Amino acid sequence: MEIKEEGASEEGQHFLPAAQASDPGDCQFTSIQKTPNEPQLEFILACKDLVAPVRDRKLNTLVQISVIHPVEQSLTRYSSTEIVEGTRDPLFLTGVTFPSEYPIYEETKIKLTVYDVKDKSHDTMSRI
């Protein structure tokens, strides 16, 4: 599994040049700021070159996301992706979003567990 980081600025401001700003009739300010509703942490998941336990069987992959909080040191199941069927290189449409009010810190550990779902009707799956 590969994790790629995309940069995002906390706050950006764009203003008109000083020559245009001197005339109050044409003065327009645009400011882009982080709003409280923006997620604290957000990422998408993809796997590459997964190996099926049985050679001729196609994988039906699901990723379970769990969080280990630094103070409690307990594992909490947070969410999971949808099942992507029949590929060794799944790209999941369901991303993971931790809202701004979620208590996540630099010391917080996020555990990703990849499963092969053998039978959806009976919730049978095995770890890859």
N, C-alpha and C. Protein backbone atom coordinates (compact mmCIF):
# COMPACT_ATOMS: atom_id res chain seq x y z
N MET A 1 0.84 -1.16 0.00
CA MET A 1 0.00 0.00 0.00
C MET A 1 0.90 1.23 0.00
N GLU A 2 0.52 2.21 -0.75
CA GLU A 2 1.34 3.41 -0.88
C GLU A 2 0.54 4.61 -0.40
N ILE A 3 1.16 5.45 0.38
CA ILE A 3 0.50 6.66 0.86
C ILE A 3 1.20 7.85 0.21
N LYS A 4 0.43 8.67 -0.48
CA LYS A 4 0.98 9.86 -1.12
C LYS A 4 0.43 11.08 -0.40
N GLU A 5 1.30 12.04 -0.15
CA GLU A 5 0.88 13.24 0.56
C GLU A 5 0.68 14.38 -0.42
N GLU A 6 -0.45 15.05 -0.28
CA GLU A 6 -0.72 16.22 -1.09
C GLU A 6 -0.69 17.43 -0.19
N GLY A 7 0.04 18.45 -0.58
CA GLY A 7 0.15 19.65 0.24
C GLY A 7 -1.06 20.54 0.10
N ALA A 8 -1.39 21.22 1.17
CA ALA A 8 -2.48 22.19 1.17
C ALA A 8 -2.11 23.31 2.12
N SER A 9 -2.34 24.51 1.70
CA SER A 9 -1.98 25.63 2.56
C SER A 9 -3.06 25.86 3.59
N GLU A 10 -2.65 26.30 4.76
CA GLU A 10 -3.59 26.61 5.83
C GLU A 10 -4.43 27.82 5.47
N GLU A 11 -3.76 28.84 4.93
CA GLU A 11 -4.46 30.07 4.62
C GLU A 11 -3.76 30.76 3.48
N GLY A 12 -4.51 31.27 2.53
CA GLY A 12 -3.93 32.02 1.43
C GLY A 12 -4.70 33.30 1.24
N GLN A 13 -4.02 34.37 0.87
CA GLN A 13 -4.70 35.63 0.62
C GLN A 13 -4.24 36.18 -0.71
N HIS A 14 -5.20 36.69 -1.49
CA HIS A 14 -4.91 37.25 -2.80
C HIS A 14 -5.54 38.64 -2.83
N PHE A 15 -4.74 39.66 -3.14
CA PHE A 15 -5.23 41.03 -3.19
C PHE A 15 -4.93 41.62 -4.55
N LEU A 16 -5.68 42.66 -4.91
CA LEU A 16 -5.43 43.38 -6.16
C LEU A 16 -4.13 44.16 -6.05
N PRO A 17 -3.47 44.44 -7.17
CA PRO A 17 -2.26 45.26 -7.13
C PRO A 17 -2.56 46.64 -6.55
N ALA A 18 -1.53 47.31 -5.99
CA ALA A 18 -1.69 48.60 -5.30
C ALA A 18 -2.30 49.65 -6.21
N ALA A 19 -1.97 49.66 -7.51
CA ALA A 19 -2.51 50.66 -8.43
C ALA A 19 -4.03 50.58 -8.51
N GLN A 20 -4.57 49.38 -8.54
CA GLN A 20 -6.02 49.20 -8.60
C GLN A 20 -6.66 49.47 -7.25
N ALA A 21 -5.96 49.22 -6.17
CA ALA A 21 -6.51 49.39 -4.83
C ALA A 21 -6.64 50.85 -4.44
N SER A 22 -5.95 51.78 -5.13
CA SER A 22 -6.02 53.20 -4.77
C SER A 22 -7.37 53.81 -5.11
N ASP A 23 -8.10 53.25 -6.06
CA ASP A 23 -9.42 53.74 -6.41
C ASP A 23 -10.45 52.95 -5.64
N PRO A 24 -11.13 53.57 -4.63
CA PRO A 24 -12.06 52.82 -3.78
C PRO A 24 -13.22 52.21 -4.56
N GLY A 25 -13.59 52.78 -5.71
CA GLY A 25 -14.70 52.22 -6.49
C GLY A 25 -14.36 50.87 -7.09
N ASP A 26 -13.09 50.65 -7.41
CA ASP A 26 -12.67 49.39 -8.02
C ASP A 26 -12.03 48.44 -7.01
N CYS A 27 -11.99 48.84 -5.77
CA CYS A 27 -11.28 48.06 -4.75
C CYS A 27 -12.05 46.79 -4.40
N GLN A 28 -11.44 45.64 -4.67
CA GLN A 28 -12.04 44.35 -4.34
C GLN A 28 -10.98 43.50 -3.68
N PHE A 29 -11.31 42.93 -2.56
CA PHE A 29 -10.38 42.05 -1.86
C PHE A 29 -10.94 40.65 -1.85
N THR A 30 -10.09 39.71 -2.13
CA THR A 30 -10.49 38.32 -2.08
C THR A 30 -9.58 37.62 -1.09
N SER A 31 -10.17 36.90 -0.18
CA SER A 31 -9.39 36.19 0.83
C SER A 31 -9.88 34.76 0.89
N ILE A 32 -8.94 33.84 0.90
CA ILE A 32 -9.27 32.42 1.03
C ILE A 32 -8.72 31.97 2.37
N GLN A 33 -9.60 31.53 3.24
CA GLN A 33 -9.17 31.12 4.56
C GLN A 33 -9.75 29.76 4.89
N LYS A 34 -9.07 29.05 5.74
CA LYS A 34 -9.55 27.75 6.20
C LYS A 34 -10.77 27.96 7.08
N THR A 35 -11.83 27.25 6.79
CA THR A 35 -13.04 27.37 7.58
C THR A 35 -13.09 26.26 8.62
N PRO A 36 -13.84 26.44 9.69
CA PRO A 36 -13.90 25.42 10.74
C PRO A 36 -14.47 24.08 10.26
N ASN A 37 -15.19 24.07 9.15
CA ASN A 37 -15.80 22.83 8.67
C ASN A 37 -14.85 21.98 7.84
N GLU A 38 -13.66 22.50 7.53
CA GLU A 38 -12.71 21.73 6.74
C GLU A 38 -12.16 20.58 7.57
N PRO A 39 -11.90 19.43 6.94
CA PRO A 39 -11.38 18.30 7.70
C PRO A 39 -9.97 18.57 8.23
N GLN A 40 -9.68 17.93 9.35
CA GLN A 40 -8.35 18.04 9.94
C GLN A 40 -7.36 17.18 9.18
N LEU A 41 -7.81 16.00 8.76
CA LEU A 41 -6.98 15.06 8.01
C LEU A 41 -7.87 14.31 7.04
N GLU A 42 -7.41 14.18 5.81
CA GLU A 42 -8.20 13.50 4.79
C GLU A 42 -7.25 12.81 3.83
N PHE A 43 -7.56 11.56 3.47
CA PHE A 43 -6.73 10.86 2.49
C PHE A 43 -7.55 9.83 1.74
N ILE A 44 -7.03 9.45 0.56
CA ILE A 44 -7.65 8.40 -0.24
C ILE A 44 -6.72 7.20 -0.21
N LEU A 45 -7.27 6.05 -0.53
CA LEU A 45 -6.49 4.81 -0.44
C LEU A 45 -6.46 4.09 -1.78
N ALA A 46 -5.33 3.46 -2.04
CA ALA A 46 -5.16 2.61 -3.20
C ALA A 46 -4.13 1.55 -2.83
N CYS A 47 -4.27 0.37 -3.41
CA CYS A 47 -3.30 -0.70 -3.19
C CYS A 47 -2.72 -1.08 -4.55
N LYS A 48 -1.52 -1.65 -4.52
CA LYS A 48 -0.88 -2.04 -5.77
C LYS A 48 -0.23 -3.41 -5.61
N ASP A 49 -0.42 -4.25 -6.60
CA ASP A 49 0.21 -5.57 -6.68
C ASP A 49 -0.10 -6.47 -5.47
N LEU A 50 -1.37 -6.50 -5.07
CA LEU A 50 -1.76 -7.41 -3.99
C LEU A 50 -1.68 -8.85 -4.49
N VAL A 51 -1.36 -9.75 -3.59
CA VAL A 51 -1.22 -11.16 -3.95
C VAL A 51 -2.38 -11.94 -3.34
N ALA A 52 -3.09 -12.66 -4.20
CA ALA A 52 -4.22 -13.48 -3.74
C ALA A 52 -3.70 -14.74 -3.06
N PRO A 53 -4.39 -15.20 -1.99
CA PRO A 53 -3.95 -16.40 -1.30
C PRO A 53 -4.07 -17.66 -2.18
N VAL A 54 -5.00 -17.64 -3.10
CA VAL A 54 -5.17 -18.75 -4.06
C VAL A 54 -4.86 -18.18 -5.44
N ARG A 55 -4.01 -18.86 -6.19
CA ARG A 55 -3.47 -18.32 -7.43
C ARG A 55 -4.52 -17.85 -8.43
N ASP A 56 -5.54 -18.60 -8.70
CA ASP A 56 -6.50 -18.27 -9.75
C ASP A 56 -7.70 -17.47 -9.25
N ARG A 57 -7.68 -17.05 -8.03
CA ARG A 57 -8.80 -16.32 -7.45
C ARG A 57 -8.57 -14.81 -7.54
N LYS A 58 -9.61 -14.07 -7.93
CA LYS A 58 -9.51 -12.62 -7.98
C LYS A 58 -9.84 -12.05 -6.60
N LEU A 59 -9.15 -10.99 -6.24
CA LEU A 59 -9.34 -10.37 -4.92
C LEU A 59 -10.55 -9.45 -4.89
N ASN A 60 -11.20 -9.42 -3.75
CA ASN A 60 -12.26 -8.48 -3.44
C ASN A 60 -11.78 -7.74 -2.19
N THR A 61 -11.22 -6.56 -2.38
CA THR A 61 -10.44 -5.89 -1.34
C THR A 61 -11.23 -4.83 -0.60
N LEU A 62 -11.00 -4.78 0.71
CA LEU A 62 -11.58 -3.80 1.61
C LEU A 62 -10.47 -3.35 2.56
N VAL A 63 -10.44 -2.07 2.92
CA VAL A 63 -9.47 -1.58 3.89
C VAL A 63 -10.22 -1.09 5.12
N GLN A 64 -9.82 -1.58 6.28
CA GLN A 64 -10.40 -1.13 7.54
C GLN A 64 -9.44 -0.13 8.18
N ILE A 65 -9.98 1.00 8.63
CA ILE A 65 -9.18 2.05 9.23
C ILE A 65 -9.47 2.08 10.72
N SER A 66 -8.41 1.96 11.53
CA SER A 66 -8.53 2.01 12.99
C SER A 66 -7.58 3.08 13.51
N VAL A 67 -7.90 3.60 14.70
CA VAL A 67 -7.11 4.67 15.30
C VAL A 67 -6.63 4.22 16.67
N ILE A 68 -5.36 4.50 16.97
CA ILE A 68 -4.81 4.26 18.31
C ILE A 68 -4.48 5.63 18.88
N HIS A 69 -5.27 6.07 19.87
CA HIS A 69 -5.06 7.38 20.49
C HIS A 69 -3.87 7.30 21.44
N PRO A 70 -3.03 8.34 21.48
CA PRO A 70 -1.78 8.29 22.26
C PRO A 70 -1.99 8.12 23.77
N VAL A 71 -3.05 8.67 24.33
CA VAL A 71 -3.25 8.60 25.78
C VAL A 71 -3.84 7.25 26.18
N GLU A 72 -4.89 6.83 25.48
CA GLU A 72 -5.59 5.59 25.85
C GLU A 72 -4.88 4.33 25.40
N GLN A 73 -4.12 4.41 24.32
CA GLN A 73 -3.43 3.25 23.73
C GLN A 73 -4.40 2.12 23.40
N SER A 74 -5.64 2.47 23.07
CA SER A 74 -6.60 1.45 22.69
C SER A 74 -6.93 1.61 21.21
N LEU A 75 -7.20 0.49 20.56
CA LEU A 75 -7.51 0.47 19.14
C LEU A 75 -9.00 0.69 18.95
N THR A 76 -9.37 1.70 18.16
CA THR A 76 -10.77 2.01 17.89
C THR A 76 -11.01 1.92 16.39
N ARG A 77 -11.99 1.13 16.00
CA ARG A 77 -12.33 1.05 14.58
C ARG A 77 -12.98 2.36 14.17
N TYR A 78 -12.45 2.99 13.12
CA TYR A 78 -12.93 4.30 12.70
C TYR A 78 -13.87 4.19 11.49
N SER A 79 -13.42 3.52 10.44
CA SER A 79 -14.24 3.38 9.23
C SER A 79 -13.66 2.29 8.34
N SER A 80 -14.29 2.09 7.21
CA SER A 80 -13.75 1.16 6.22
C SER A 80 -14.15 1.63 4.84
N THR A 81 -13.45 1.14 3.85
CA THR A 81 -13.73 1.48 2.47
C THR A 81 -14.82 0.57 1.93
N GLU A 82 -15.22 0.83 0.70
CA GLU A 82 -16.10 -0.09 0.01
C GLU A 82 -15.27 -1.28 -0.46
N ILE A 83 -15.92 -2.34 -0.93
CA ILE A 83 -15.22 -3.51 -1.47
C ILE A 83 -14.98 -3.26 -2.95
N VAL A 84 -13.71 -3.38 -3.36
CA VAL A 84 -13.36 -3.27 -4.78
C VAL A 84 -13.10 -4.69 -5.27
N GLU A 85 -13.87 -5.12 -6.25
CA GLU A 85 -13.84 -6.52 -6.70
C GLU A 85 -12.95 -6.76 -7.91
N GLY A 86 -12.27 -7.91 -7.87
CA GLY A 86 -11.60 -8.45 -9.04
C GLY A 86 -10.35 -7.77 -9.53
N THR A 87 -9.58 -7.13 -8.64
CA THR A 87 -8.35 -6.50 -9.09
C THR A 87 -7.25 -6.58 -8.03
N ARG A 88 -6.02 -6.62 -8.50
CA ARG A 88 -4.86 -6.61 -7.58
C ARG A 88 -4.45 -5.18 -7.24
N ASP A 89 -5.01 -4.20 -7.97
CA ASP A 89 -4.64 -2.79 -7.80
C ASP A 89 -5.89 -1.95 -7.52
N PRO A 90 -6.56 -2.16 -6.39
CA PRO A 90 -7.79 -1.41 -6.14
C PRO A 90 -7.55 0.06 -5.81
N LEU A 91 -8.41 0.92 -6.33
CA LEU A 91 -8.47 2.34 -5.98
C LEU A 91 -9.83 2.54 -5.33
N PHE A 92 -9.83 2.99 -4.10
CA PHE A 92 -11.07 3.08 -3.34
C PHE A 92 -11.71 4.46 -3.50
N LEU A 93 -13.00 4.47 -3.77
CA LEU A 93 -13.73 5.73 -3.92
C LEU A 93 -14.04 6.34 -2.56
N THR A 94 -14.15 5.49 -1.55
CA THR A 94 -14.42 5.96 -0.19
C THR A 94 -13.11 6.41 0.44
N GLY A 95 -12.98 7.69 0.67
CA GLY A 95 -11.79 8.22 1.32
C GLY A 95 -11.97 8.19 2.83
N VAL A 96 -10.95 8.64 3.53
CA VAL A 96 -10.99 8.70 4.99
C VAL A 96 -10.88 10.17 5.38
N THR A 97 -11.83 10.63 6.18
CA THR A 97 -11.85 12.02 6.61
C THR A 97 -11.99 12.09 8.11
N PHE A 98 -11.07 12.81 8.74
CA PHE A 98 -11.15 13.09 10.17
C PHE A 98 -11.58 14.55 10.28
N PRO A 99 -12.79 14.82 10.77
CA PRO A 99 -13.26 16.20 10.86
C PRO A 99 -12.41 17.03 11.83
N SER A 100 -12.51 18.35 11.72
CA SER A 100 -11.69 19.25 12.53
C SER A 100 -11.89 19.05 14.03
N GLU A 101 -13.07 18.60 14.44
CA GLU A 101 -13.32 18.40 15.87
C GLU A 101 -12.86 17.03 16.39
N TYR A 102 -12.39 16.14 15.50
CA TYR A 102 -11.93 14.82 15.93
C TYR A 102 -10.59 14.96 16.65
N PRO A 103 -10.43 14.32 17.80
CA PRO A 103 -9.18 14.46 18.57
C PRO A 103 -8.02 13.64 17.99
N ILE A 104 -7.34 14.22 17.01
CA ILE A 104 -6.22 13.53 16.39
C ILE A 104 -4.98 14.41 16.54
N TYR A 105 -3.84 13.79 16.87
CA TYR A 105 -2.61 14.50 17.17
C TYR A 105 -1.47 13.88 16.38
N GLU A 106 -0.30 14.51 16.42
CA GLU A 106 0.87 13.95 15.74
C GLU A 106 1.18 12.54 16.24
N GLU A 107 0.95 12.29 17.52
CA GLU A 107 1.28 11.00 18.13
C GLU A 107 0.21 9.93 17.85
N THR A 108 -0.93 10.33 17.31
CA THR A 108 -2.01 9.38 17.00
C THR A 108 -1.54 8.44 15.90
N LYS A 109 -1.80 7.15 16.07
CA LYS A 109 -1.43 6.16 15.06
C LYS A 109 -2.69 5.73 14.32
N ILE A 110 -2.57 5.61 13.01
CA ILE A 110 -3.67 5.15 12.18
C ILE A 110 -3.26 3.81 11.59
N LYS A 111 -4.07 2.81 11.85
CA LYS A 111 -3.78 1.46 11.37
C LYS A 111 -4.70 1.14 10.19
N LEU A 112 -4.09 0.71 9.08
CA LEU A 112 -4.84 0.31 7.89
C LEU A 112 -4.67 -1.19 7.72
N THR A 113 -5.77 -1.91 7.70
CA THR A 113 -5.72 -3.36 7.53
C THR A 113 -6.44 -3.72 6.23
N VAL A 114 -5.76 -4.43 5.35
CA VAL A 114 -6.31 -4.79 4.05
C VAL A 114 -6.87 -6.21 4.13
N TYR A 115 -8.12 -6.35 3.70
CA TYR A 115 -8.80 -7.65 3.74
C TYR A 115 -9.23 -8.08 2.35
N ASP A 116 -9.26 -9.39 2.14
CA ASP A 116 -9.85 -10.01 0.96
C ASP A 116 -11.20 -10.56 1.39
N VAL A 117 -12.28 -10.03 0.83
CA VAL A 117 -13.63 -10.46 1.20
C VAL A 117 -13.98 -11.67 0.34
N LYS A 118 -14.10 -12.81 1.00
CA LYS A 118 -14.38 -14.05 0.27
C LYS A 118 -15.87 -14.23 -0.01
N ASP A 119 -16.71 -13.90 0.96
CA ASP A 119 -18.15 -14.08 0.81
C ASP A 119 -18.85 -12.90 1.48
N LYS A 120 -19.38 -11.98 0.66
CA LYS A 120 -20.03 -10.78 1.20
C LYS A 120 -21.29 -11.11 1.99
N SER A 121 -22.00 -12.14 1.58
CA SER A 121 -23.27 -12.46 2.26
C SER A 121 -23.05 -12.98 3.68
N HIS A 122 -21.87 -13.54 3.96
CA HIS A 122 -21.59 -14.06 5.30
C HIS A 122 -20.49 -13.28 6.02
N ASP A 123 -20.11 -12.14 5.45
CA ASP A 123 -19.03 -11.33 6.02
C ASP A 123 -17.77 -12.13 6.29
N THR A 124 -17.41 -13.00 5.34
CA THR A 124 -16.18 -13.81 5.48
C THR A 124 -15.06 -13.10 4.76
N MET A 125 -13.99 -12.81 5.51
CA MET A 125 -12.85 -12.17 4.90
C MET A 125 -11.57 -12.61 5.57
N SER A 126 -10.46 -12.43 4.85
CA SER A 126 -9.16 -12.78 5.42
C SER A 126 -8.19 -11.63 5.17
N ARG A 127 -7.25 -11.49 6.08
CA ARG A 127 -6.25 -10.43 5.98
C ARG A 127 -5.29 -10.76 4.85
N ILE A 128 -4.92 -9.74 4.08
CA ILE A 128 -3.97 -9.94 2.99
C ILE A 128 -2.58 -9.63 3.50
